[in-house]
PDB file of all heavy atoms in Angstrom:
ATOM      1  N   VAL A   1     -10.636  -3.925 -12.195  1.00  0.00           N
ATOM      2  CA  VAL A   1     -11.106  -2.994 -11.160  1.00  0.00           C
ATOM      3  C   VAL A   1     -12.631  -2.966 -11.117  1.00  0.00           C
ATOM      4  O   VAL A   1     -13.243  -2.977 -10.041  1.00  0.00           O
ATOM      5  CB  VAL A   1     -10.557  -1.574 -11.417  1.00  0.00           C
ATOM      6  CG1 VAL A   1     -11.236  -0.554 -10.514  1.00  0.00           C
ATOM      7  CG2 VAL A   1      -9.052  -1.553 -11.189  1.00  0.00           C
ATOM      8  N   SER A   2     -13.275  -2.941 -12.281  1.00  0.00           N
ATOM      9  CA  SER A   2     -14.740  -2.871 -12.330  1.00  0.00           C
ATOM     10  C   SER A   2     -15.382  -4.102 -11.711  1.00  0.00           C
ATOM     11  O   SER A   2     -16.515  -4.043 -11.222  1.00  0.00           O
ATOM     12  CB  SER A   2     -15.217  -2.696 -13.773  1.00  0.00           C
ATOM     13  OG  SER A   2     -15.026  -3.885 -14.528  1.00  0.00           O
ATOM     14  N   LEU A   3     -14.655  -5.229 -11.721  1.00  0.00           N
ATOM     15  CA  LEU A   3     -15.173  -6.479 -11.162  1.00  0.00           C
ATOM     16  C   LEU A   3     -14.644  -6.760  -9.757  1.00  0.00           C
ATOM     17  O   LEU A   3     -14.941  -7.815  -9.189  1.00  0.00           O
ATOM     18  CB  LEU A   3     -14.805  -7.650 -12.077  1.00  0.00           C
ATOM     19  CG  LEU A   3     -15.421  -7.644 -13.480  1.00  0.00           C
ATOM     20  CD1 LEU A   3     -14.857  -8.789 -14.310  1.00  0.00           C
ATOM     21  CD2 LEU A   3     -16.936  -7.736 -13.415  1.00  0.00           C
ATOM     22  N   ASN A   4     -13.863  -5.815  -9.216  1.00  0.00           N
ATOM     23  CA  ASN A   4     -13.279  -5.992  -7.882  1.00  0.00           C
ATOM     24  C   ASN A   4     -12.427  -7.256  -7.784  1.00  0.00           C
ATOM     25  O   ASN A   4     -12.399  -7.936  -6.755  1.00  0.00           O
ATOM     26  CB  ASN A   4     -14.382  -6.038  -6.805  1.00  0.00           C
ATOM     27  CG  ASN A   4     -15.151  -4.752  -6.721  1.00  0.00           C
ATOM     28  OD1 ASN A   4     -14.579  -3.676  -6.716  1.00  0.00           O
ATOM     29  ND2 ASN A   4     -16.468  -4.854  -6.653  1.00  0.00           N
ATOM     30  N   ARG A   5     -11.705  -7.565  -8.846  1.00  0.00           N
ATOM     31  CA  ARG A   5     -10.878  -8.765  -8.885  1.00  0.00           C
ATOM     32  C   ARG A   5      -9.456  -8.384  -8.467  1.00  0.00           C
ATOM     33  O   ARG A   5      -8.576  -8.148  -9.288  1.00  0.00           O
ATOM     34  CB  ARG A   5     -10.898  -9.362 -10.300  1.00  0.00           C
ATOM     35  CG  ARG A   5     -12.286  -9.677 -10.827  1.00  0.00           C
ATOM     36  CD  ARG A   5     -12.778 -11.033 -10.403  1.00  0.00           C
ATOM     37  NE  ARG A   5     -12.253 -12.032 -11.299  1.00  0.00           N
ATOM     38  CZ  ARG A   5     -12.924 -12.491 -12.368  1.00  0.00           C
ATOM     39  NH1 ARG A   5     -14.132 -12.043 -12.644  1.00  0.00           N
ATOM     40  NH2 ARG A   5     -12.379 -13.406 -13.130  1.00  0.00           N
ATOM     41  N   GLU A   6      -9.231  -8.308  -7.165  1.00  0.00           N
ATOM     42  CA  GLU A   6      -7.981  -7.764  -6.644  1.00  0.00           C
ATOM     43  C   GLU A   6      -6.762  -8.588  -7.061  1.00  0.00           C
ATOM     44  O   GLU A   6      -5.695  -8.038  -7.349  1.00  0.00           O
ATOM     45  CB  GLU A   6      -8.060  -7.648  -5.126  1.00  0.00           C
ATOM     46  CG  GLU A   6      -9.076  -6.612  -4.652  1.00  0.00           C
ATOM     47  CD  GLU A   6      -9.039  -6.413  -3.155  1.00  0.00           C
ATOM     48  OE1 GLU A   6      -8.323  -7.181  -2.470  1.00  0.00           O
ATOM     49  OE2 GLU A   6      -9.716  -5.507  -2.658  1.00  0.00           O
ATOM     50  N   CYS A   7      -6.902  -9.906  -7.094  1.00  0.00           N
ATOM     51  CA  CYS A   7      -5.763 -10.732  -7.485  1.00  0.00           C
ATOM     52  C   CYS A   7      -5.423 -10.529  -8.952  1.00  0.00           C
ATOM     53  O   CYS A   7      -4.240 -10.539  -9.331  1.00  0.00           O
ATOM     54  CB  CYS A   7      -6.060 -12.206  -7.210  1.00  0.00           C
ATOM     55  SG  CYS A   7      -6.083 -12.616  -5.453  1.00  0.00           S
ATOM     56  N   ASP A   8      -6.432 -10.336  -9.786  1.00  0.00           N
ATOM     57  CA  ASP A   8      -6.179 -10.052 -11.198  1.00  0.00           C
ATOM     58  C   ASP A   8      -5.536  -8.677 -11.358  1.00  0.00           C
ATOM     59  O   ASP A   8      -4.649  -8.490 -12.201  1.00  0.00           O
ATOM     60  CB  ASP A   8      -7.485 -10.121 -11.999  1.00  0.00           C
ATOM     61  CG  ASP A   8      -8.006 -11.546 -12.130  1.00  0.00           C
ATOM     62  OD1 ASP A   8      -7.202 -12.485 -11.982  1.00  0.00           O
ATOM     63  OD2 ASP A   8      -9.204 -11.714 -12.387  1.00  0.00           O
ATOM     64  N   ILE A   9      -5.987  -7.717 -10.553  1.00  0.00           N
ATOM     65  CA  ILE A   9      -5.372  -6.378 -10.566  1.00  0.00           C
ATOM     66  C   ILE A   9      -3.890  -6.498 -10.243  1.00  0.00           C
ATOM     67  O   ILE A   9      -3.026  -5.936 -10.925  1.00  0.00           O
ATOM     68  CB  ILE A   9      -6.068  -5.444  -9.547  1.00  0.00           C
ATOM     69  CG1 ILE A   9      -7.505  -5.155  -9.970  1.00  0.00           C
ATOM     70  CG2 ILE A   9      -5.290  -4.133  -9.397  1.00  0.00           C
ATOM     71  CD1 ILE A   9      -8.317  -4.445  -8.903  1.00  0.00           C
ATOM     72  N   ASP A  10      -3.594  -7.249  -9.185  1.00  0.00           N
ATOM     73  CA  ASP A  10      -2.209  -7.412  -8.752  1.00  0.00           C
ATOM     74  C   ASP A  10      -1.364  -8.072  -9.834  1.00  0.00           C
ATOM     75  O   ASP A  10      -0.217  -7.674 -10.081  1.00  0.00           O
ATOM     76  CB  ASP A  10      -2.187  -8.255  -7.479  1.00  0.00           C
ATOM     77  CG  ASP A  10      -0.808  -8.319  -6.848  1.00  0.00           C
ATOM     78  OD1 ASP A  10      -0.338  -7.274  -6.394  1.00  0.00           O
ATOM     79  OD2 ASP A  10      -0.218  -9.412  -6.835  1.00  0.00           O
ATOM     80  N   LYS A  11      -1.918  -9.065 -10.505  1.00  0.00           N
ATOM     81  CA  LYS A  11      -1.177  -9.766 -11.551  1.00  0.00           C
ATOM     82  C   LYS A  11      -0.859  -8.836 -12.718  1.00  0.00           C
ATOM     83  O   LYS A  11       0.258  -8.843 -13.254  1.00  0.00           O
ATOM     84  CB  LYS A  11      -1.972 -10.973 -12.039  1.00  0.00           C
ATOM     85  CG  LYS A  11      -1.205 -11.857 -13.013  1.00  0.00           C
ATOM     86  CD  LYS A  11      -1.940 -13.146 -13.282  1.00  0.00           C
ATOM     87  CE  LYS A  11      -1.105 -14.073 -14.150  1.00  0.00           C
ATOM     88  NZ  LYS A  11      -1.784 -15.371 -14.392  1.00  0.00           N
ATOM     89  N   VAL A  12      -1.839  -8.013 -13.112  1.00  0.00           N
ATOM     90  CA  VAL A  12      -1.620  -7.081 -14.224  1.00  0.00           C
ATOM     91  C   VAL A  12      -0.556  -6.058 -13.862  1.00  0.00           C
ATOM     92  O   VAL A  12       0.354  -5.757 -14.653  1.00  0.00           O
ATOM     93  CB  VAL A  12      -2.935  -6.378 -14.606  1.00  0.00           C
ATOM     94  CG1 VAL A  12      -2.679  -5.279 -15.636  1.00  0.00           C
ATOM     95  CG2 VAL A  12      -3.933  -7.381 -15.156  1.00  0.00           C
ATOM     96  N   VAL A  13      -0.648  -5.508 -12.657  1.00  0.00           N
ATOM     97  CA  VAL A  13       0.311  -4.489 -12.235  1.00  0.00           C
ATOM     98  C   VAL A  13       1.716  -5.067 -12.126  1.00  0.00           C
ATOM     99  O   VAL A  13       2.698  -4.468 -12.581  1.00  0.00           O
ATOM    100  CB  VAL A  13      -0.126  -3.859 -10.899  1.00  0.00           C
ATOM    101  CG1 VAL A  13       0.952  -2.932 -10.365  1.00  0.00           C
ATOM    102  CG2 VAL A  13      -1.431  -3.094 -11.083  1.00  0.00           C
ATOM    103  N   ASN A  14       1.836  -6.247 -11.514  1.00  0.00           N
ATOM    104  CA  ASN A  14       3.146  -6.869 -11.393  1.00  0.00           C
ATOM    105  C   ASN A  14       3.754  -7.162 -12.763  1.00  0.00           C
ATOM    106  O   ASN A  14       4.960  -6.998 -12.975  1.00  0.00           O
ATOM    107  CB  ASN A  14       3.052  -8.166 -10.588  1.00  0.00           C
ATOM    108  CG  ASN A  14       2.865  -7.919  -9.111  1.00  0.00           C
ATOM    109  OD1 ASN A  14       3.206  -6.852  -8.606  1.00  0.00           O
ATOM    110  ND2 ASN A  14       2.303  -8.894  -8.408  1.00  0.00           N
ATOM    111  N   SER A  15       2.909  -7.588 -13.698  1.00  0.00           N
ATOM    112  CA  SER A  15       3.393  -7.847 -15.048  1.00  0.00           C
ATOM    113  C   SER A  15       3.914  -6.578 -15.696  1.00  0.00           C
ATOM    114  O   SER A  15       4.960  -6.573 -16.351  1.00  0.00           O
ATOM    115  CB  SER A  15       2.275  -8.455 -15.904  1.00  0.00           C
ATOM    116  OG  SER A  15       2.685  -8.625 -17.237  1.00  0.00           O
ATOM    117  N   SER A  16       3.183  -5.477 -15.492  1.00  0.00           N
ATOM    118  CA  SER A  16       3.602  -4.211 -16.095  1.00  0.00           C
ATOM    119  C   SER A  16       4.909  -3.715 -15.493  1.00  0.00           C
ATOM    120  O   SER A  16       5.760  -3.150 -16.174  1.00  0.00           O
ATOM    121  CB  SER A  16       2.506  -3.153 -15.916  1.00  0.00           C
ATOM    122  OG  SER A  16       2.378  -2.776 -14.555  1.00  0.00           O
ATOM    123  N   LEU A  17       5.099  -3.939 -14.188  1.00  0.00           N
ATOM    124  CA  LEU A  17       6.338  -3.512 -13.536  1.00  0.00           C
ATOM    125  C   LEU A  17       7.531  -4.335 -14.028  1.00  0.00           C
ATOM    126  O   LEU A  17       8.611  -3.798 -14.266  1.00  0.00           O
ATOM    127  CB  LEU A  17       6.193  -3.648 -12.019  1.00  0.00           C
ATOM    128  CG  LEU A  17       5.182  -2.705 -11.350  1.00  0.00           C
ATOM    129  CD1 LEU A  17       5.047  -3.039  -9.878  1.00  0.00           C
ATOM    130  CD2 LEU A  17       5.599  -1.256 -11.537  1.00  0.00           C
ATOM    131  N   LYS A  18       7.311  -5.637 -14.200  1.00  0.00           N
ATOM    132  CA  LYS A  18       8.388  -6.485 -14.692  1.00  0.00           C
ATOM    133  C   LYS A  18       8.801  -6.085 -16.110  1.00  0.00           C
ATOM    134  O   LYS A  18       9.957  -6.175 -16.484  1.00  0.00           O
ATOM    135  CB  LYS A  18       7.938  -7.947 -14.678  1.00  0.00           C
ATOM    136  CG  LYS A  18       7.798  -8.543 -13.282  1.00  0.00           C
ATOM    137  CD  LYS A  18       7.294  -9.968 -13.357  1.00  0.00           C
ATOM    138  CE  LYS A  18       7.074 -10.550 -11.970  1.00  0.00           C
ATOM    139  NZ  LYS A  18       6.527 -11.934 -12.051  1.00  0.00           N
ATOM    140  N   ALA A  19       7.794  -5.660 -16.891  1.00  0.00           N
ATOM    141  CA  ALA A  19       8.078  -5.287 -18.274  1.00  0.00           C
ATOM    142  C   ALA A  19       8.486  -3.822 -18.395  1.00  0.00           C
ATOM    143  O   ALA A  19       8.658  -3.314 -19.496  1.00  0.00           O
ATOM    144  CB  ALA A  19       6.844  -5.550 -19.135  1.00  0.00           C
ATOM    145  N   ASP A  20       8.626  -3.134 -17.254  1.00  0.00           N
ATOM    146  CA  ASP A  20       9.006  -1.723 -17.235  1.00  0.00           C
ATOM    147  C   ASP A  20       8.005  -0.856 -17.997  1.00  0.00           C
ATOM    148  O   ASP A  20       8.371   0.084 -18.694  1.00  0.00           O
ATOM    149  CB  ASP A  20      10.411  -1.528 -17.810  1.00  0.00           C
ATOM    150  CG  ASP A  20      10.982  -0.150 -17.429  1.00  0.00           C
ATOM    151  OD1 ASP A  20      10.570   0.377 -16.377  1.00  0.00           O
ATOM    152  OD2 ASP A  20      11.814   0.371 -18.176  1.00  0.00           O
ATOM    153  N   GLN A  21       6.711  -1.199 -17.859  1.00  0.00           N
ATOM    154  CA  GLN A  21       5.654  -0.406 -18.477  1.00  0.00           C
ATOM    155  C   GLN A  21       5.298   0.717 -17.498  1.00  0.00           C
ATOM    156  O   GLN A  21       4.376   0.622 -16.701  1.00  0.00           O
ATOM    157  CB  GLN A  21       4.418  -1.289 -18.741  1.00  0.00           C
ATOM    158  CG  GLN A  21       4.713  -2.463 -19.649  1.00  0.00           C
ATOM    159  CD  GLN A  21       4.167  -2.231 -21.043  1.00  0.00           C
ATOM    160  OE1 GLN A  21       3.888  -1.098 -21.429  1.00  0.00           O
ATOM    161  NE2 GLN A  21       4.016  -3.291 -21.796  1.00  0.00           N
ATOM    162  N   LYS A  22       6.001   1.814 -17.577  1.00  0.00           N
ATOM    163  CA  LYS A  22       5.892   2.867 -16.572  1.00  0.00           C
ATOM    164  C   LYS A  22       4.536   3.543 -16.536  1.00  0.00           C
ATOM    165  O   LYS A  22       4.223   4.259 -15.590  1.00  0.00           O
ATOM    166  CB  LYS A  22       6.993   3.904 -16.789  1.00  0.00           C
ATOM    167  CG  LYS A  22       8.399   3.366 -16.511  1.00  0.00           C
ATOM    168  CD  LYS A  22       9.441   4.437 -16.656  1.00  0.00           C
ATOM    169  CE  LYS A  22      10.808   3.939 -16.192  1.00  0.00           C
ATOM    170  NZ  LYS A  22      11.259   2.732 -16.864  1.00  0.00           N
ATOM    171  N   VAL A  23       3.738   3.303 -17.541  1.00  0.00           N
ATOM    172  CA  VAL A  23       2.398   3.878 -17.528  1.00  0.00           C
ATOM    173  C   VAL A  23       1.602   3.387 -16.326  1.00  0.00           C
ATOM    174  O   VAL A  23       0.654   4.024 -15.891  1.00  0.00           O
ATOM    175  CB  VAL A  23       1.655   3.541 -18.837  1.00  0.00           C
ATOM    176  CG1 VAL A  23       1.332   2.063 -18.917  1.00  0.00           C
ATOM    177  CG2 VAL A  23       0.354   4.354 -18.949  1.00  0.00           C
ATOM    178  N   PHE A  24       2.028   2.259 -15.741  1.00  0.00           N
ATOM    179  CA  PHE A  24       1.284   1.695 -14.623  1.00  0.00           C
ATOM    180  C   PHE A  24       1.821   2.107 -13.256  1.00  0.00           C
ATOM    181  O   PHE A  24       1.241   1.768 -12.248  1.00  0.00           O
ATOM    182  CB  PHE A  24       1.291   0.166 -14.719  1.00  0.00           C
ATOM    183  CG  PHE A  24       0.153  -0.371 -15.523  1.00  0.00           C
ATOM    184  CD1 PHE A  24       0.329  -0.682 -16.852  1.00  0.00           C
ATOM    185  CD2 PHE A  24      -1.097  -0.540 -14.969  1.00  0.00           C
ATOM    186  CE1 PHE A  24      -0.723  -1.161 -17.608  1.00  0.00           C
ATOM    187  CE2 PHE A  24      -2.148  -1.015 -15.715  1.00  0.00           C
ATOM    188  CZ  PHE A  24      -1.966  -1.320 -17.037  1.00  0.00           C
ATOM    189  N   PHE A  25       2.900   2.852 -13.213  1.00  0.00           N
ATOM    190  CA  PHE A  25       3.503   3.149 -11.937  1.00  0.00           C
ATOM    191  C   PHE A  25       2.608   4.016 -11.054  1.00  0.00           C
ATOM    192  O   PHE A  25       2.801   4.071  -9.849  1.00  0.00           O
ATOM    193  CB  PHE A  25       4.855   3.860 -12.142  1.00  0.00           C
ATOM    194  CG  PHE A  25       5.941   2.908 -12.573  1.00  0.00           C
ATOM    195  CD1 PHE A  25       5.651   1.645 -13.031  1.00  0.00           C
ATOM    196  CD2 PHE A  25       7.261   3.308 -12.527  1.00  0.00           C
ATOM    197  CE1 PHE A  25       6.652   0.775 -13.453  1.00  0.00           C
ATOM    198  CE2 PHE A  25       8.274   2.438 -12.935  1.00  0.00           C
ATOM    199  CZ  PHE A  25       7.963   1.175 -13.400  1.00  0.00           C
ATOM    200  N   TRP A  26       1.654   4.729 -11.665  1.00  0.00           N
ATOM    201  CA  TRP A  26       0.785   5.609 -10.881  1.00  0.00           C
ATOM    202  C   TRP A  26      -0.399   4.895 -10.267  1.00  0.00           C
ATOM    203  O   TRP A  26      -1.131   5.465  -9.471  1.00  0.00           O
ATOM    204  CB  TRP A  26       0.260   6.744 -11.772  1.00  0.00           C
ATOM    205  CG  TRP A  26      -0.492   6.231 -12.967  1.00  0.00           C
ATOM    206  CD1 TRP A  26       0.002   5.935 -14.196  1.00  0.00           C
ATOM    207  CD2 TRP A  26      -1.887   5.941 -13.050  1.00  0.00           C
ATOM    208  NE1 TRP A  26      -0.970   5.472 -15.027  1.00  0.00           N
ATOM    209  CE2 TRP A  26      -2.157   5.463 -14.352  1.00  0.00           C
ATOM    210  CE3 TRP A  26      -2.946   6.032 -12.137  1.00  0.00           C
ATOM    211  CZ2 TRP A  26      -3.424   5.081 -14.774  1.00  0.00           C
ATOM    212  CZ3 TRP A  26      -4.225   5.646 -12.550  1.00  0.00           C
ATOM    213  CH2 TRP A  26      -4.441   5.179 -13.863  1.00  0.00           C
ATOM    214  N   LEU A  27      -0.598   3.638 -10.600  1.00  0.00           N
ATOM    215  CA  LEU A  27      -1.779   2.928 -10.108  1.00  0.00           C
ATOM    216  C   LEU A  27      -1.735   2.820  -8.586  1.00  0.00           C
ATOM    217  O   LEU A  27      -0.688   2.573  -7.997  1.00  0.00           O
ATOM    218  CB  LEU A  27      -1.867   1.545 -10.749  1.00  0.00           C
ATOM    219  CG  LEU A  27      -2.053   1.549 -12.257  1.00  0.00           C
ATOM    220  CD1 LEU A  27      -2.035   0.134 -12.812  1.00  0.00           C
ATOM    221  CD2 LEU A  27      -3.365   2.215 -12.623  1.00  0.00           C
TER     222      LEU A  27
END
């Protein structure tokens, strides 16, 4: 986020959703 790397943001969030890391659901 600090680097405005939107594709990297998307990759991290998608990874967290696949792994059921619910801490990321609020992003």
